[in-house]
Protein backbone atom coordinates (compact mmCIF):
# COMPACT_ATOMS: atom_id res chain seq x y z
CA UNK A 1 -40.42 -22.91 -5.64
CA UNK A 2 -39.81 -19.13 -5.93
CA UNK A 3 -36.75 -16.96 -6.57
CA UNK A 4 -35.42 -14.15 -4.68
CA UNK A 5 -32.88 -11.25 -5.47
CA UNK A 6 -31.55 -10.23 -2.29
CA UNK A 7 -29.70 -6.98 -3.05
CA UNK A 8 -30.71 -5.66 -6.45
CA UNK A 9 -29.84 -2.01 -5.57
CA UNK A 10 -28.41 -0.48 -8.68
CA UNK A 11 -30.19 -2.41 -11.14
CA UNK A 12 -33.37 -0.69 -11.03
CA UNK A 13 -33.22 0.96 -14.38
CA UNK A 14 -32.16 -2.10 -16.24
CA UNK A 15 -34.22 -3.83 -18.39
CA UNK A 16 -35.53 -6.78 -16.09
CA UNK A 17 -38.39 -8.33 -17.91
CA UNK A 18 -36.47 -11.47 -19.19
CA UNK A 19 -35.02 -11.91 -15.66
CA UNK A 20 -38.39 -11.99 -14.14
CA UNK A 21 -39.58 -14.45 -16.94
CA UNK A 22 -36.93 -16.92 -16.64
CA UNK A 23 -36.99 -16.64 -12.82
CA UNK A 24 -40.97 -17.09 -12.37
CA UNK A 25 -42.41 -15.26 -9.47
CA UNK A 26 -39.08 -13.44 -8.46
CA UNK A 27 -39.03 -11.36 -5.25
CA UNK A 28 -36.84 -8.40 -5.47
CA UNK A 29 -35.27 -6.53 -2.40
CA UNK A 30 -33.02 -3.31 -2.78
CA UNK A 31 -30.88 -4.74 -0.19
CA UNK A 32 -30.82 -7.33 2.61
CA UNK A 33 -29.10 -7.33 6.18
CA UNK A 34 -27.14 -10.50 7.15
CA UNK A 35 -29.86 -11.37 9.93
CA UNK A 36 -32.62 -11.42 7.37
CA UNK A 37 -31.09 -13.43 4.53
CA UNK A 38 -32.30 -16.84 5.72
CA UNK A 39 -35.85 -15.91 6.39
CA UNK A 40 -36.11 -14.02 2.96
CA UNK A 41 -34.86 -17.07 0.90
CA UNK A 42 -36.77 -19.73 2.88
CA UNK A 43 -38.63 -22.20 0.44
CA UNK A 44 -36.61 -20.60 -2.68
CA UNK A 45 -35.06 -22.80 -5.45
CA UNK A 46 -33.22 -19.81 -6.82
CA UNK A 47 -31.05 -16.91 -5.08
CA UNK A 48 -29.82 -14.04 -6.96
CA UNK A 49 -27.30 -11.78 -5.05
CA UNK A 50 -24.42 -9.16 -5.15
CA UNK A 51 -22.78 -8.82 -1.86
CA UNK A 52 -25.15 -10.63 0.45
CA UNK A 53 -23.29 -13.45 2.19
CA UNK A 54 -24.44 -17.13 1.92
CA UNK A 55 -22.69 -19.08 4.47
CA UNK A 56 -22.75 -22.68 5.29
CA UNK A 57 -25.31 -22.36 8.00
CA UNK A 58 -27.63 -20.51 5.64
CA UNK A 59 -27.45 -23.16 3.17
CA UNK A 60 -28.13 -25.92 5.58
CA UNK A 61 -31.11 -24.14 6.81
CA UNK A 62 -32.41 -23.71 3.28
CA UNK A 63 -32.75 -27.09 1.74
CA UNK A 64 -34.58 -26.18 -1.16
CA UNK A 65 -31.99 -23.86 -2.54
CA UNK A 66 -30.49 -25.33 -5.90
CA UNK A 67 -29.02 -22.22 -7.74
CA UNK A 68 -27.03 -19.09 -6.54
CA UNK A 69 -26.35 -16.37 -9.16
CA UNK A 70 -23.87 -13.87 -8.33
CA UNK A 71 -24.18 -10.60 -10.25
CA UNK A 72 -20.52 -9.97 -10.01
CA UNK A 73 -17.26 -11.98 -10.90
CA UNK A 74 -16.20 -12.34 -7.41
CA UNK A 75 -17.83 -15.20 -5.26
CA UNK A 76 -16.32 -14.86 -1.89
CA UNK A 77 -19.70 -14.21 -0.50
CA UNK A 78 -20.61 -17.55 -0.91
CA UNK A 79 -19.36 -20.56 0.80
CA UNK A 80 -18.53 -22.54 -2.53
CA UNK A 81 -17.52 -25.56 -0.57
CA UNK A 82 -20.60 -26.09 1.48
CA UNK A 83 -22.53 -25.29 -1.63
CA UNK A 84 -20.76 -27.92 -3.70
CA UNK A 85 -21.25 -30.62 -0.68
CA UNK A 86 -24.96 -29.69 -0.59
CA UNK A 87 -25.60 -29.77 -4.20
CA UNK A 88 -26.31 -26.24 -4.95
CA UNK A 89 -24.80 -24.68 -8.05
CA UNK A 90 -23.31 -21.16 -7.99
CA UNK A 91 -22.59 -19.19 -10.98
CA UNK A 92 -21.10 -15.50 -11.49
CA UNK A 93 -21.00 -12.98 -14.45
CA UNK A 94 -17.65 -12.48 -16.26
CA UNK A 95 -16.16 -9.66 -18.14
CA UNK A 96 -19.15 -7.63 -17.92
CA UNK A 97 -17.63 -4.68 -16.94
CA UNK A 98 -14.39 -4.58 -18.86
CA UNK A 99 -15.00 -1.72 -21.14
CA UNK A 100 -16.57 0.24 -18.15
CA UNK A 101 -13.39 -0.18 -15.84
CA UNK A 102 -10.88 0.73 -18.67
CA UNK A 103 -12.85 3.85 -19.60
CA UNK A 104 -12.72 4.95 -15.91
CA UNK A 105 -9.13 4.14 -15.37
CA UNK A 106 -8.31 6.15 -18.44
CA UNK A 107 -10.66 8.90 -17.42
CA UNK A 108 -8.76 9.12 -13.97
CA UNK A 109 -5.27 9.12 -15.97
CA UNK A 110 -6.31 12.08 -18.03
CA UNK A 111 -8.09 14.07 -15.32
CA UNK A 112 -4.73 13.74 -13.09
CA UNK A 113 -2.59 14.87 -16.00
CA UNK A 114 -4.74 17.90 -16.87
CA UNK A 115 -5.58 18.89 -13.11
CA UNK A 116 -9.19 18.82 -14.61
CA UNK A 117 -10.90 18.75 -11.06
CA UNK A 118 -8.68 21.35 -9.81
CA UNK A 119 -9.52 23.67 -12.66
CA UNK A 120 -13.16 22.99 -12.40
CA UNK A 121 -13.05 23.64 -8.63
CA UNK A 122 -11.06 26.85 -9.17
CA UNK A 123 -13.65 28.03 -11.66
CA UNK A 124 -16.70 27.21 -9.36
CA UNK A 125 -14.75 29.24 -6.89
CA UNK A 126 -14.74 32.60 -8.91
CA UNK A 127 -10.98 32.32 -9.95
CA UNK A 128 -11.46 32.79 -13.66
CA UNK A 129 -13.28 36.00 -13.21
CA UNK A 130 -10.47 37.43 -11.42
CA UNK A 131 -7.92 36.32 -13.76
CA UNK A 132 -5.91 39.06 -15.60
CA UNK A 133 -5.85 37.32 -19.13
CA UNK A 134 -8.11 34.87 -21.02
CA UNK A 135 -7.01 32.01 -19.01
CA UNK A 136 -5.34 31.04 -15.78
CA UNK A 137 -2.63 28.36 -15.36
CA UNK A 138 -2.46 27.69 -11.47
CA UNK A 139 -2.19 24.01 -11.74
CA UNK A 140 0.07 21.61 -13.93
CA UNK A 141 -1.01 20.10 -17.38
CA UNK A 142 1.24 17.45 -18.76
CA UNK A 143 0.90 15.32 -21.87
CA UNK A 144 0.95 11.56 -21.98
CA UNK A 145 2.74 10.95 -25.12
CA UNK A 146 6.39 9.65 -24.35
CA UNK A 147 5.40 8.83 -20.68
CA UNK A 148 5.72 5.26 -19.18
CA UNK A 149 2.59 3.40 -18.08
CA UNK A 150 3.35 0.55 -15.71
CA UNK A 151 0.52 -2.02 -15.27
CA UNK A 152 0.23 -4.81 -12.47
CA UNK A 153 -2.19 -7.15 -13.61
CA UNK A 154 -2.52 -8.00 -17.36
CA UNK A 155 -5.65 -9.67 -17.93
CA UNK A 156 -8.39 -8.00 -19.78
CA UNK A 157 -8.56 -4.79 -17.91
CA UNK A 158 -4.61 -4.34 -18.28
CA UNK A 159 -4.66 -5.03 -21.90
CA UNK A 160 -7.48 -2.49 -22.46
CA UNK A 161 -5.61 0.26 -20.64
CA UNK A 162 -2.61 -0.69 -22.27
CA UNK A 163 -4.03 -0.46 -25.72
CA UNK A 164 -5.69 3.04 -25.06
CA UNK A 165 -2.25 4.30 -23.62
CA UNK A 166 -0.34 3.14 -26.61
CA UNK A 167 -2.71 5.00 -28.72
CA UNK A 168 -1.78 8.22 -26.77
CA UNK A 169 2.10 7.60 -27.42
CA UNK A 170 2.88 6.01 -24.14
CA UNK A 171 5.20 3.28 -23.46
CA UNK A 172 3.94 0.40 -21.64
CA UNK A 173 5.75 -2.05 -19.22
CA UNK A 174 4.02 -4.81 -17.55
CA UNK A 175 5.25 -6.12 -14.13
CA UNK A 176 5.54 -9.95 -13.35
CA UNK A 177 2.43 -11.55 -11.78
CA UNK A 178 2.83 -10.84 -7.78
CA UNK A 179 3.79 -14.09 -6.16
CA UNK A 180 4.78 -15.82 -9.57
CA UNK A 181 7.98 -17.81 -9.80
CA UNK A 182 8.23 -18.28 -13.39
CA UNK A 183 7.16 -14.83 -14.77
CA UNK A 184 10.09 -13.73 -16.67
CA UNK A 185 8.57 -10.15 -17.00
CA UNK A 186 10.43 -7.33 -14.80
CA UNK A 187 9.49 -7.25 -11.25
CA UNK A 188 7.15 -4.36 -9.65
CA UNK A 189 10.49 -3.18 -7.87
CA UNK A 190 12.29 -2.96 -11.15
CA UNK A 191 9.48 -0.87 -13.08
CA UNK A 192 8.47 1.52 -10.15
CA UNK A 193 11.33 3.92 -10.80
CA UNK A 194 10.64 4.08 -14.47
CA UNK A 195 6.78 4.51 -14.63
CA UNK A 196 4.92 7.95 -14.85
CA UNK A 197 1.59 6.06 -14.00
CA UNK A 198 1.17 3.04 -12.10
CA UNK A 199 -2.23 1.26 -12.58
CA UNK A 200 -3.35 -1.77 -10.72
CA UNK A 201 -5.34 -4.56 -12.29
CA UNK A 202 -4.91 -7.42 -9.88
CA UNK A 203 -6.97 -9.21 -7.63
CA UNK A 204 -6.40 -9.07 -3.70
CA UNK A 205 -4.91 -12.29 -2.36
CA UNK A 206 -1.90 -13.13 -0.09
CA UNK A 207 0.54 -11.82 -2.77
CA UNK A 208 -0.96 -8.52 -3.45
CA UNK A 209 -2.35 -7.47 0.02
CA UNK A 210 -0.47 -4.25 0.92
CA UNK A 211 1.49 -4.46 -2.41
CA UNK A 212 1.70 -0.89 -2.51
CA UNK A 213 2.99 0.77 0.66
CA UNK A 214 5.86 3.07 1.89
CA UNK A 215 8.77 1.54 0.37
CA UNK A 216 7.09 1.00 -2.91
CA UNK A 217 6.10 4.78 -3.17
CA UNK A 218 9.32 6.00 -2.26
CA UNK A 219 10.88 4.08 -5.12
CA UNK A 220 8.25 5.97 -7.59
CA UNK A 221 9.19 9.38 -9.29
CA UNK A 222 7.72 12.56 -7.48
CA UNK A 223 5.82 13.30 -10.55
CA UNK A 224 4.32 9.85 -10.86
CA UNK A 225 0.49 8.86 -10.41
CA UNK A 226 -0.96 5.86 -9.05
CA UNK A 227 -4.19 4.54 -10.16
CA UNK A 228 -6.13 1.72 -8.25
CA UNK A 229 -9.59 0.69 -9.47
CA UNK A 230 -8.85 -3.11 -8.41
CA UNK A 231 -9.30 -3.59 -4.72
CA UNK A 232 -8.77 -1.35 -1.92
CA UNK A 233 -6.46 -3.75 0.31
CA UNK A 234 -3.75 -3.83 -2.45
CA UNK A 235 -2.54 -0.17 -1.42
CA UNK A 236 -1.90 0.92 2.17
CA UNK A 237 -4.01 3.81 2.40
CA UNK A 238 -2.21 5.52 5.40
CA UNK A 239 0.96 5.22 3.28
CA UNK A 240 -0.56 6.73 0.32
CA UNK A 241 -1.79 9.69 2.26
CA UNK A 242 1.61 10.27 3.67
CA UNK A 243 2.98 10.12 0.05
CA UNK A 244 0.64 12.53 -1.23
CA UNK A 245 1.17 14.99 1.48
CA UNK A 246 4.86 14.76 1.55
CA UNK A 247 5.13 15.16 -2.44
CA UNK A 248 6.52 11.32 -2.75
CA UNK A 249 4.40 11.03 -5.58
CA UNK A 250 2.68 13.35 -7.77
CA UNK A 251 -1.14 12.28 -7.39
CA UNK A 252 -3.55 9.36 -7.12
CA UNK A 253 -6.97 8.20 -8.29
CA UNK A 254 -8.77 5.35 -6.36
CA UNK A 255 -12.00 4.03 -6.79
CA UNK A 256 -11.81 1.13 -3.97
CA UNK A 257 -11.24 1.36 -0.35
CA UNK A 258 -10.04 -1.35 1.96
CA UNK A 259 -13.71 -1.24 3.78
CA UNK A 260 -16.74 -0.37 1.65
CA UNK A 261 -18.78 1.50 2.55
CA UNK A 262 -16.45 3.40 4.77
CA UNK A 263 -18.73 4.10 7.56
CA UNK A 264 -15.98 4.42 10.27
CA UNK A 265 -14.10 6.73 8.03
CA UNK A 266 -10.75 6.13 5.97
CA UNK A 267 -7.66 8.08 5.89
CA UNK A 268 -8.04 8.90 2.26
CA UNK A 269 -11.31 10.41 2.84
CA UNK A 270 -10.48 12.33 6.30
CA UNK A 271 -8.14 14.81 4.73
CA UNK A 272 -8.11 17.56 1.81
CA UNK A 273 -5.69 16.45 -0.76
CA UNK A 274 -5.94 18.60 -4.09
CA UNK A 275 -3.82 15.63 -5.78
CA UNK A 276 -6.13 12.89 -5.16
CA UNK A 277 -9.28 11.71 -6.83
CA UNK A 278 -11.79 9.25 -4.92
CA UNK A 279 -14.72 7.62 -6.58
CA UNK A 280 -17.22 5.24 -4.81
CA UNK A 281 -16.36 1.93 -6.45
CA UNK A 282 -18.17 2.90 -9.72
CA UNK A 283 -15.58 2.04 -12.21
CA UNK A 284 -17.66 -0.94 -13.20
CA UNK A 285 -20.96 0.53 -13.19
CA UNK A 286 -21.63 1.99 -16.73
CA UNK A 287 -25.39 1.53 -17.57
CA UNK A 288 -24.18 -0.87 -20.35
CA UNK A 289 -22.07 -2.92 -17.82
CA UNK A 290 -25.21 -3.29 -15.30
CA UNK A 291 -27.28 -4.44 -18.15
CA UNK A 292 -24.71 -6.92 -19.10
CA UNK A 293 -24.79 -8.29 -15.42
CA UNK A 294 -28.54 -8.88 -15.78
CA UNK A 295 -28.35 -10.28 -19.12
CA UNK A 296 -25.49 -12.88 -18.04
CA UNK A 297 -27.74 -13.87 -15.30
CA UNK A 298 -30.57 -14.69 -17.38
CA UNK A 299 -28.27 -16.93 -19.40
CA UNK A 300 -26.92 -18.60 -16.30
CA UNK A 301 -30.46 -19.31 -15.06
CA UNK A 302 -31.48 -20.46 -18.52
CA UNK A 303 -28.40 -22.79 -19.07
CA UNK A 304 -29.15 -24.31 -15.59
CA UNK A 305 -32.67 -24.95 -16.21
CA UNK A 306 -31.60 -26.67 -19.43
CA UNK A 307 -29.16 -28.85 -17.64
CA UNK A 308 -26.07 -27.11 -19.18
CA UNK A 309 -23.93 -25.26 -16.99
CA UNK A 310 -22.60 -21.83 -17.75
CA UNK A 311 -20.26 -19.80 -15.65
CA UNK A 312 -20.47 -22.46 -12.86
CA UNK A 313 -17.77 -21.85 -10.35
CA UNK A 314 -18.12 -24.55 -8.14
CA UNK A 315 -18.14 -27.68 -10.17
């Protein structure tokens, strides 16, 4: 029985020899439409995927399937309950992109404080050639030292960003976990008026969906920045656009949208906002992080073949 990688796009330049070796007869597709999944994995014992969705119906229709390796941390693309009932092991990859995300988040914080993209755009447009002296100072530049960074979500990512912030001389305040009843840290509402930067590192769930909306943005300083490299649904995108247009906050950097890819548009893309940076969900995607995805998957498959589970999410 063979192995199938349903959506390998983005990993083409990684070292894949070990993955091919442990799989044996690996068939790779760049991406797979939902109506093609069942036919492509027919007869396979092992399936590797990123975002392709494996439903109960697909699992039932493919009784040879024994292992699903998700090349991501989130496993909501697989019906875990059905997989457990049908004896299919599901593994994921963990902490592969921590350094990459932390780096991206702090790059965004620095770019916002230095108006980096605005200066670059102005130079490309010919502004420097027209300047009356050696430089031009059309956009604000501020230092991080002495400013306050607010963090929602204090796992590996939040702690990594906090460490860099403290090295820059920032004060770090961490909000209580959304939805928690026993977290003694200050609530989000309490820290919002204090922070100069708010960065989000929490999962998207019933407690965090729409966590940052009109009310929360209005509580922030008019000079404050919002950075979201967590999940799109955590921030009300229409409210953020209005806050940026009206000067409610100073700027924002987002790496995630509610719907990805935004084929039907998105309010954050449908307007020109000089104080907004949008990147296409790439905070995780350093070359090193992508190779770790492959390496973790090799480890998962090797352990499964040896009868010792590693990163199994549906025991």
